Amino acid sequence: VGNAAAGTAPVGVALNVRGGCAAVQIKGFAALPYSGSAPDLGWTALTADGSGGVKVPGSGEKGRECLVVQVDSKEKTVGLFL
């Protein structure tokens, strides 16, 4: 398990890695860092930023639709439902 490449649709969030195995959350609420401009609230497409966070898709990038319910522009974090 590793960070998704920048510009790709995220599959889930790695919660814990131990002994060569990982617990990956694929549904439910998650809080993640974001880079670039702040995502809009509501159903929003997001892509991986390549460093463990998400970003608003750039030109030609396809994202994963997530329900964004919280944006903290000071801390650069986003609360969303996968």
N, C-alpha and C. Protein backbone atom coordinates (compact mmCIF):
# COMPACT_ATOMS: atom_id res chain seq x y z
N VAL A 1 0.85 -1.18 0.00
CA VAL A 1 0.00 0.00 0.00
C VAL A 1 0.89 1.23 0.00
N GLY A 2 0.52 2.21 -0.81
CA GLY A 2 1.28 3.44 -0.87
C GLY A 2 0.40 4.58 -1.33
N ASN A 3 0.97 5.77 -1.34
CA ASN A 3 0.22 6.93 -1.81
C ASN A 3 -0.13 6.75 -3.28
N ALA A 4 -1.34 7.13 -3.63
CA ALA A 4 -1.77 7.10 -5.03
C ALA A 4 -0.98 8.15 -5.81
N ALA A 5 -0.73 7.88 -7.06
CA ALA A 5 -0.03 8.84 -7.90
C ALA A 5 -0.88 10.09 -8.07
N ALA A 6 -0.22 11.23 -8.15
CA ALA A 6 -0.93 12.50 -8.34
C ALA A 6 -1.80 12.44 -9.57
N GLY A 7 -3.04 12.92 -9.43
CA GLY A 7 -3.96 12.98 -10.55
C GLY A 7 -4.79 11.73 -10.77
N THR A 8 -4.62 10.72 -9.91
CA THR A 8 -5.42 9.50 -10.04
C THR A 8 -6.53 9.50 -8.99
N ALA A 9 -7.59 8.78 -9.28
CA ALA A 9 -8.71 8.69 -8.34
C ALA A 9 -8.30 7.86 -7.14
N PRO A 10 -8.49 8.37 -5.92
CA PRO A 10 -8.12 7.60 -4.73
C PRO A 10 -9.06 6.41 -4.54
N VAL A 11 -8.52 5.31 -4.04
CA VAL A 11 -9.31 4.10 -3.79
C VAL A 11 -9.78 4.08 -2.34
N GLY A 12 -8.94 4.50 -1.43
CA GLY A 12 -9.26 4.48 -0.02
C GLY A 12 -8.18 5.15 0.79
N VAL A 13 -8.27 4.96 2.09
CA VAL A 13 -7.32 5.59 3.02
C VAL A 13 -6.64 4.49 3.83
N ALA A 14 -5.32 4.42 3.77
CA ALA A 14 -4.57 3.44 4.57
C ALA A 14 -4.60 3.89 6.02
N LEU A 15 -5.17 3.05 6.87
CA LEU A 15 -5.31 3.40 8.28
C LEU A 15 -4.16 2.87 9.13
N ASN A 16 -3.67 1.69 8.79
CA ASN A 16 -2.65 1.06 9.61
C ASN A 16 -1.88 0.07 8.74
N VAL A 17 -0.57 0.07 8.85
CA VAL A 17 0.27 -0.89 8.14
C VAL A 17 1.10 -1.63 9.17
N ARG A 18 1.03 -2.97 9.14
CA ARG A 18 1.77 -3.76 10.11
C ARG A 18 2.06 -5.13 9.52
N GLY A 19 3.28 -5.56 9.62
CA GLY A 19 3.65 -6.89 9.18
C GLY A 19 3.38 -7.15 7.71
N GLY A 20 3.52 -6.14 6.89
CA GLY A 20 3.30 -6.31 5.46
C GLY A 20 1.84 -6.28 5.04
N CYS A 21 0.93 -6.03 5.97
CA CYS A 21 -0.50 -5.95 5.67
C CYS A 21 -1.00 -4.55 6.04
N ALA A 22 -2.09 -4.15 5.40
CA ALA A 22 -2.63 -2.82 5.67
C ALA A 22 -4.14 -2.88 5.82
N ALA A 23 -4.66 -2.05 6.71
CA ALA A 23 -6.11 -1.84 6.83
C ALA A 23 -6.43 -0.61 5.98
N VAL A 24 -7.31 -0.77 5.00
CA VAL A 24 -7.65 0.31 4.09
C VAL A 24 -9.14 0.61 4.19
N GLN A 25 -9.46 1.84 4.52
CA GLN A 25 -10.85 2.29 4.59
C GLN A 25 -11.32 2.67 3.19
N ILE A 26 -12.43 2.05 2.73
CA ILE A 26 -12.94 2.36 1.40
C ILE A 26 -14.32 3.01 1.43
N LYS A 27 -14.94 3.08 2.58
CA LYS A 27 -16.24 3.72 2.75
C LYS A 27 -16.24 4.48 4.08
N GLY A 28 -17.16 5.43 4.21
CA GLY A 28 -17.33 6.13 5.46
C GLY A 28 -16.60 7.47 5.49
N PHE A 29 -16.58 8.08 6.67
CA PHE A 29 -16.01 9.40 6.86
C PHE A 29 -14.50 9.34 7.01
N ALA A 30 -13.81 10.29 6.39
CA ALA A 30 -12.36 10.41 6.53
C ALA A 30 -11.98 11.88 6.53
N ALA A 31 -10.95 12.21 7.27
CA ALA A 31 -10.39 13.57 7.26
C ALA A 31 -9.00 13.48 6.63
N LEU A 32 -8.77 14.27 5.59
CA LEU A 32 -7.52 14.20 4.84
C LEU A 32 -6.96 15.59 4.58
N PRO A 33 -5.66 15.69 4.40
CA PRO A 33 -5.10 16.97 3.96
C PRO A 33 -5.43 17.19 2.49
N TYR A 34 -5.50 18.44 2.08
CA TYR A 34 -5.66 18.73 0.67
C TYR A 34 -4.61 19.73 0.24
N SER A 35 -4.32 19.73 -1.05
CA SER A 35 -3.38 20.70 -1.60
C SER A 35 -4.07 21.48 -2.70
N GLY A 36 -3.50 22.62 -3.04
CA GLY A 36 -4.11 23.46 -4.06
C GLY A 36 -5.31 24.22 -3.51
N SER A 37 -6.28 24.48 -4.38
CA SER A 37 -7.46 25.23 -3.96
C SER A 37 -8.39 24.34 -3.13
N ALA A 38 -9.16 24.98 -2.26
CA ALA A 38 -10.06 24.25 -1.37
C ALA A 38 -11.20 23.61 -2.17
N PRO A 39 -11.51 22.35 -1.88
CA PRO A 39 -12.65 21.71 -2.54
C PRO A 39 -13.97 22.37 -2.12
N ASP A 40 -14.96 22.30 -2.98
CA ASP A 40 -16.30 22.79 -2.65
C ASP A 40 -17.00 21.79 -1.75
N LEU A 41 -17.94 22.29 -0.94
CA LEU A 41 -18.78 21.41 -0.15
C LEU A 41 -19.77 20.72 -1.07
N GLY A 42 -20.23 19.54 -0.66
CA GLY A 42 -21.17 18.76 -1.46
C GLY A 42 -20.45 17.69 -2.25
N TRP A 43 -21.16 17.11 -3.23
CA TRP A 43 -20.55 16.07 -4.07
C TRP A 43 -19.51 16.70 -4.96
N THR A 44 -18.27 16.30 -4.77
CA THR A 44 -17.14 16.90 -5.46
C THR A 44 -16.17 15.81 -5.91
N ALA A 45 -15.66 15.95 -7.12
CA ALA A 45 -14.63 15.03 -7.60
C ALA A 45 -13.29 15.43 -7.00
N LEU A 46 -12.56 14.43 -6.51
CA LEU A 46 -11.24 14.66 -5.93
C LEU A 46 -10.26 13.65 -6.52
N THR A 47 -9.01 14.06 -6.65
CA THR A 47 -7.95 13.16 -7.07
C THR A 47 -6.88 13.13 -5.98
N ALA A 48 -6.01 12.14 -6.05
CA ALA A 48 -4.88 12.07 -5.14
C ALA A 48 -3.88 13.16 -5.51
N ASP A 49 -3.18 13.69 -4.49
CA ASP A 49 -2.16 14.71 -4.78
C ASP A 49 -0.74 14.14 -4.81
N GLY A 50 -0.63 12.82 -4.60
CA GLY A 50 0.69 12.17 -4.68
C GLY A 50 1.46 12.15 -3.38
N SER A 51 0.94 12.83 -2.34
CA SER A 51 1.65 12.85 -1.06
C SER A 51 0.73 12.54 0.11
N GLY A 52 -0.26 11.72 -0.12
CA GLY A 52 -1.15 11.29 0.96
C GLY A 52 -2.39 12.13 1.14
N GLY A 53 -2.59 13.13 0.32
CA GLY A 53 -3.77 13.98 0.42
C GLY A 53 -4.57 13.95 -0.87
N VAL A 54 -5.51 14.87 -0.96
CA VAL A 54 -6.36 14.98 -2.15
C VAL A 54 -6.28 16.39 -2.70
N LYS A 55 -6.80 16.55 -3.92
CA LYS A 55 -6.85 17.86 -4.54
C LYS A 55 -8.01 17.88 -5.53
N VAL A 56 -8.39 19.08 -5.93
CA VAL A 56 -9.39 19.24 -6.98
C VAL A 56 -8.73 18.83 -8.29
N PRO A 57 -9.40 18.01 -9.11
CA PRO A 57 -8.76 17.54 -10.35
C PRO A 57 -8.38 18.69 -11.28
N GLY A 58 -7.23 18.54 -11.91
CA GLY A 58 -6.78 19.48 -12.92
C GLY A 58 -7.33 19.08 -14.28
N SER A 59 -6.98 19.80 -15.28
CA SER A 59 -7.42 19.53 -16.64
C SER A 59 -7.00 18.13 -17.07
N GLY A 60 -7.95 17.34 -17.54
CA GLY A 60 -7.67 15.99 -18.01
C GLY A 60 -7.62 14.93 -16.92
N GLU A 61 -7.73 15.32 -15.65
CA GLU A 61 -7.70 14.35 -14.55
C GLU A 61 -9.13 13.97 -14.18
N LYS A 62 -9.34 12.68 -13.94
CA LYS A 62 -10.64 12.20 -13.49
C LYS A 62 -10.55 11.90 -12.01
N GLY A 63 -11.53 12.36 -11.25
CA GLY A 63 -11.51 12.15 -9.82
C GLY A 63 -12.57 11.17 -9.37
N ARG A 64 -12.61 10.95 -8.08
CA ARG A 64 -13.63 10.13 -7.44
C ARG A 64 -14.62 11.08 -6.77
N GLU A 65 -15.90 10.87 -7.01
CA GLU A 65 -16.93 11.69 -6.39
C GLU A 65 -17.00 11.35 -4.91
N CYS A 66 -16.83 12.37 -4.07
CA CYS A 66 -16.91 12.23 -2.62
C CYS A 66 -17.84 13.30 -2.09
N LEU A 67 -18.49 13.01 -0.97
CA LEU A 67 -19.35 14.00 -0.33
C LEU A 67 -18.50 14.79 0.66
N VAL A 68 -18.14 16.01 0.29
CA VAL A 68 -17.31 16.87 1.14
C VAL A 68 -18.23 17.61 2.11
N VAL A 69 -18.02 17.41 3.42
CA VAL A 69 -18.88 18.01 4.43
C VAL A 69 -18.16 19.04 5.30
N GLN A 70 -16.84 19.13 5.16
CA GLN A 70 -16.07 20.06 5.99
C GLN A 70 -14.79 20.45 5.27
N VAL A 71 -14.49 21.74 5.27
CA VAL A 71 -13.24 22.24 4.71
C VAL A 71 -12.63 23.20 5.71
N ASP A 72 -11.40 22.93 6.13
CA ASP A 72 -10.67 23.82 7.03
C ASP A 72 -9.52 24.43 6.24
N SER A 73 -9.73 25.65 5.73
CA SER A 73 -8.72 26.27 4.87
C SER A 73 -7.47 26.67 5.66
N LYS A 74 -7.58 26.89 6.96
CA LYS A 74 -6.41 27.22 7.77
C LYS A 74 -5.49 26.02 7.91
N GLU A 75 -6.07 24.86 8.25
CA GLU A 75 -5.30 23.62 8.44
C GLU A 75 -5.11 22.85 7.14
N LYS A 76 -5.80 23.27 6.06
CA LYS A 76 -5.75 22.59 4.76
C LYS A 76 -6.18 21.12 4.89
N THR A 77 -7.33 20.91 5.58
CA THR A 77 -7.90 19.58 5.69
C THR A 77 -9.32 19.59 5.18
N VAL A 78 -9.78 18.41 4.78
CA VAL A 78 -11.12 18.24 4.26
C VAL A 78 -11.73 17.01 4.93
N GLY A 79 -13.00 17.14 5.36
CA GLY A 79 -13.75 16.01 5.90
C GLY A 79 -14.71 15.54 4.82
N LEU A 80 -14.68 14.25 4.53
CA LEU A 80 -15.50 13.75 3.42
C LEU A 80 -15.97 12.33 3.68
N PHE A 81 -16.99 11.96 2.93
CA PHE A 81 -17.47 10.59 2.94
C PHE A 81 -17.01 9.94 1.64
N LEU A 82 -16.31 8.82 1.76
CA LEU A 82 -15.82 8.09 0.59
C LEU A 82 -16.96 7.38 -0.10
